[in-house]
Amino acid sequence: MNLLETTILEKAKSVNNVALDASDFLTKQIDIQLLDWCAQQLATHFEQAKVDRIVTIESGGIAISTLVALKLNVPLVVMKKKRSILDPDDLLTASVHSFTKNVTYELNCSALHINENDNVLFIDDVLAHGNAVIGTLDIIKLAKANLVGVGILFEKSFQAGAAMLAEKEIDVLSLARISSLENGIHF
């Protein structure tokens, strides 16, 4: 059992047998030493992928992706879920449905932030149904860039996302694979 899995067992809570509340160490309060360990695992795994930039989605993926970007010495691009008056006209967009919040949002990123032929690494906190990854893939394709991998803190392997990425033969590193949240947390 690795450090993240141990922390999940000690501090996380299963919510309605489908969601994991990691607010005590990953979202509302961040255990920096744990996140640094996670970032090192992800950076080591992807260091040979010739990553040009990392992308993530606000807000859950920002903390971990910042540390991975620092370790790989590459820029971090944060994709947004809502448009701003500060956004340029040339936004790359994709529609993404969030099962956790039961909303569909327009994921967006400035076309200036992902270059054609860039090798892009997607980092996020959770992989469940895979919709965030699919939306990110759509944006990467619009930019004519290449996805070199996906780094995830924890995946809910009992949901469809992990299987979908395996079918697409995407290099994925999930630091914790949760097989069930029924009657507790199971790996």
Protein backbone atom coordinates (compact mmCIF):
# COMPACT_ATOMS: atom_id res chain seq x y z
CA MET A 1 0.00 0.00 0.00
CA ASN A 2 1.42 3.39 -0.98
CA LEU A 3 1.30 6.69 0.92
CA LEU A 4 -1.78 8.00 -0.90
CA GLU A 5 -3.74 4.78 -0.37
CA THR A 6 -2.84 4.76 3.32
CA THR A 7 -3.96 8.39 3.68
CA ILE A 8 -7.22 7.66 1.84
CA LEU A 9 -7.99 4.82 4.25
CA GLU A 10 -7.13 6.97 7.28
CA LYS A 11 -8.77 10.28 6.31
CA ALA A 12 -11.21 9.93 3.40
CA LYS A 13 -14.89 9.12 3.58
CA SER A 14 -17.19 7.28 1.20
CA VAL A 15 -20.23 9.39 0.33
CA ASN A 16 -23.35 7.59 -0.90
CA ASN A 17 -21.17 4.66 -2.03
CA VAL A 18 -20.11 6.58 -5.18
CA ALA A 19 -18.05 9.63 -4.14
CA LEU A 20 -14.88 9.98 -2.11
CA ASP A 21 -14.57 12.94 0.26
CA ALA A 22 -10.86 13.78 0.35
CA SER A 23 -11.38 17.30 1.70
CA ASP A 24 -9.22 16.71 4.79
CA PHE A 25 -6.04 16.21 2.73
CA LEU A 26 -6.60 17.08 -0.97
CA THR A 27 -9.26 19.72 -1.54
CA LYS A 28 -10.27 21.94 1.36
CA GLN A 29 -7.09 21.23 3.32
CA ILE A 30 -4.02 20.10 1.40
CA ASP A 31 -1.37 17.82 2.85
CA ILE A 32 1.63 19.30 1.05
CA GLN A 33 4.01 16.45 1.93
CA LEU A 34 1.53 13.91 0.55
CA LEU A 35 0.99 15.99 -2.59
CA ASP A 36 4.75 16.34 -3.07
CA TRP A 37 5.13 12.55 -2.84
CA CYS A 38 2.29 12.13 -5.39
CA ALA A 39 3.86 14.70 -7.72
CA GLN A 40 7.20 12.90 -7.59
CA GLN A 41 5.54 9.59 -8.54
CA LEU A 42 3.78 11.20 -11.50
CA ALA A 43 6.85 13.16 -12.64
CA THR A 44 9.05 10.07 -12.49
CA HIS A 45 6.55 8.02 -14.49
CA PHE A 46 6.20 10.62 -17.26
CA GLU A 47 9.75 12.07 -17.33
CA GLN A 48 10.66 10.16 -20.53
CA ALA A 49 7.50 11.35 -22.38
CA LYS A 50 9.13 14.62 -23.52
CA VAL A 51 6.30 16.69 -22.01
CA ASP A 52 6.05 20.25 -23.36
CA ARG A 53 3.25 21.34 -21.04
CA ILE A 54 0.82 20.05 -18.48
CA VAL A 55 -2.90 20.75 -18.62
CA THR A 56 -5.45 20.44 -15.85
CA ILE A 57 -8.98 21.57 -15.12
CA GLU A 58 -9.90 24.02 -12.39
CA SER A 59 -10.01 23.53 -9.49
CA GLY A 60 -9.27 20.04 -8.13
CA GLY A 61 -6.31 19.37 -10.39
CA ILE A 62 -4.47 22.65 -9.86
CA ALA A 63 -2.51 21.78 -6.72
CA ILE A 64 -1.13 18.44 -7.94
CA SER A 65 -0.48 19.64 -11.49
CA THR A 66 1.44 22.68 -10.21
CA LEU A 67 3.86 20.44 -8.35
CA VAL A 68 4.24 18.02 -11.29
CA ALA A 69 4.89 20.96 -13.66
CA LEU A 70 7.52 22.25 -11.26
CA LYS A 71 9.23 18.85 -11.12
CA LEU A 72 9.16 18.45 -14.92
CA ASN A 73 10.07 22.14 -15.46
CA VAL A 74 7.25 22.76 -17.95
CA PRO A 75 4.39 25.29 -18.12
CA LEU A 76 1.01 24.50 -16.61
CA VAL A 77 -2.18 25.36 -18.49
CA VAL A 78 -5.35 25.55 -16.38
CA MET A 79 -8.51 24.97 -18.41
CA LYS A 80 -11.56 26.81 -17.13
CA LYS A 81 -15.18 25.74 -16.73
CA LYS A 82 -16.67 29.17 -17.39
CA ARG A 83 -15.83 31.98 -19.77
CA SER A 84 -14.52 35.27 -18.48
CA ILE A 85 -14.59 38.77 -19.94
CA LEU A 86 -10.79 38.46 -20.01
CA ASP A 87 -10.87 35.48 -22.40
CA PRO A 88 -9.62 35.95 -25.95
CA ASP A 89 -11.89 35.22 -28.91
CA ASP A 90 -9.83 32.20 -29.98
CA LEU A 91 -10.86 29.80 -27.22
CA LEU A 92 -10.60 26.05 -27.67
CA THR A 93 -13.75 24.55 -26.15
CA ALA A 94 -15.36 21.21 -25.37
CA SER A 95 -18.57 20.24 -23.62
CA VAL A 96 -18.08 18.18 -20.43
CA HIS A 97 -20.68 16.62 -18.14
CA SER A 98 -19.82 16.41 -14.44
CA PHE A 99 -21.57 13.50 -12.75
CA THR A 100 -20.50 14.71 -9.29
CA LYS A 101 -22.19 18.09 -9.73
CA ASN A 102 -24.74 16.91 -12.34
CA VAL A 103 -24.00 19.82 -14.68
CA THR A 104 -22.61 20.20 -18.17
CA TYR A 105 -20.04 22.93 -18.63
CA GLU A 106 -17.97 24.34 -21.47
CA LEU A 107 -14.34 23.52 -20.83
CA ASN A 108 -12.14 26.20 -22.38
CA CYS A 109 -8.54 27.09 -22.98
CA SER A 110 -6.84 29.86 -24.93
CA ALA A 111 -5.51 28.67 -28.29
CA LEU A 112 -2.29 30.51 -27.39
CA HIS A 113 -1.56 28.17 -24.49
CA ILE A 114 -1.30 24.85 -26.36
CA ASN A 115 0.87 24.79 -29.46
CA GLU A 116 0.58 22.52 -32.48
CA ASN A 117 2.64 19.34 -31.93
CA ASP A 118 3.06 20.00 -28.20
CA ASN A 119 3.36 16.86 -26.08
CA VAL A 120 0.70 17.40 -23.44
CA LEU A 121 0.33 15.61 -20.11
CA PHE A 122 -3.09 15.81 -18.44
CA ILE A 123 -3.03 15.77 -14.62
CA ASP A 124 -6.15 15.64 -12.47
CA ASP A 125 -7.24 14.63 -9.01
CA VAL A 126 -10.00 12.11 -9.82
CA LEU A 127 -10.87 9.78 -12.68
CA ALA A 128 -14.45 8.51 -12.56
CA HIS A 129 -16.50 8.36 -15.77
CA GLY A 130 -13.72 9.90 -17.88
CA ASN A 131 -15.68 12.89 -19.20
CA ALA A 132 -13.05 15.42 -18.12
CA VAL A 133 -10.37 13.45 -19.96
CA ILE A 134 -12.52 13.21 -23.10
CA GLY A 135 -13.14 16.98 -23.02
CA THR A 136 -9.42 17.56 -22.56
CA LEU A 137 -8.65 15.22 -25.47
CA ASP A 138 -11.06 17.22 -27.64
CA ILE A 139 -9.22 20.45 -26.79
CA ILE A 140 -5.81 18.87 -27.40
CA LYS A 141 -7.02 17.65 -30.81
CA LEU A 142 -8.34 21.13 -31.67
CA ALA A 143 -4.86 22.49 -30.87
CA LYS A 144 -3.30 19.73 -33.04
CA ALA A 145 -1.20 18.67 -30.07
CA ASN A 146 -0.46 15.19 -28.71
CA LEU A 147 -1.63 13.63 -25.46
CA VAL A 148 1.32 11.74 -24.00
CA GLY A 149 -0.36 10.57 -20.83
CA VAL A 150 -2.80 11.04 -17.99
CA GLY A 151 -1.76 11.28 -14.34
CA ILE A 152 -4.45 10.82 -11.71
CA LEU A 153 -4.34 10.91 -7.93
CA PHE A 154 -7.14 8.40 -7.53
CA GLU A 155 -9.45 6.60 -9.89
CA LYS A 156 -12.77 5.03 -9.14
CA SER A 157 -12.14 1.90 -11.21
CA PHE A 158 -15.71 0.71 -10.62
CA GLN A 159 -16.81 3.52 -12.96
CA ALA A 160 -16.21 3.66 -16.73
CA GLY A 161 -13.29 6.13 -17.05
CA ALA A 162 -10.34 3.80 -16.46
CA ALA A 163 -11.67 1.15 -18.87
CA MET A 164 -12.35 3.80 -21.53
CA LEU A 165 -8.77 5.11 -21.31
CA ALA A 166 -7.38 1.57 -21.44
CA GLU A 167 -9.37 0.97 -24.65
CA LYS A 168 -7.80 4.09 -26.16
CA GLU A 169 -4.34 2.80 -25.10
CA ILE A 170 -3.56 6.01 -23.23
CA ASP A 171 -0.66 5.86 -20.78
CA VAL A 172 -2.37 6.38 -17.42
CA LEU A 173 -0.85 6.42 -13.98
CA SER A 174 -3.39 6.38 -11.15
CA LEU A 175 -1.73 6.49 -7.76
CA ALA A 176 -4.72 4.85 -6.06
CA ARG A 177 -7.32 2.61 -7.70
CA ILE A 178 -10.50 2.40 -5.69
CA SER A 179 -12.48 -0.72 -6.60
CA SER A 180 -15.52 0.07 -4.44
CA LEU A 181 -16.90 2.66 -2.05
CA GLU A 182 -19.70 0.45 -0.77
CA ASN A 183 -19.50 -0.03 2.99
CA GLY A 184 -16.12 1.69 3.14
CA ILE A 185 -13.18 2.25 0.82
CA HIS A 186 -11.73 -0.74 -1.04
CA PHE A 187 -8.68 -0.95 -3.31
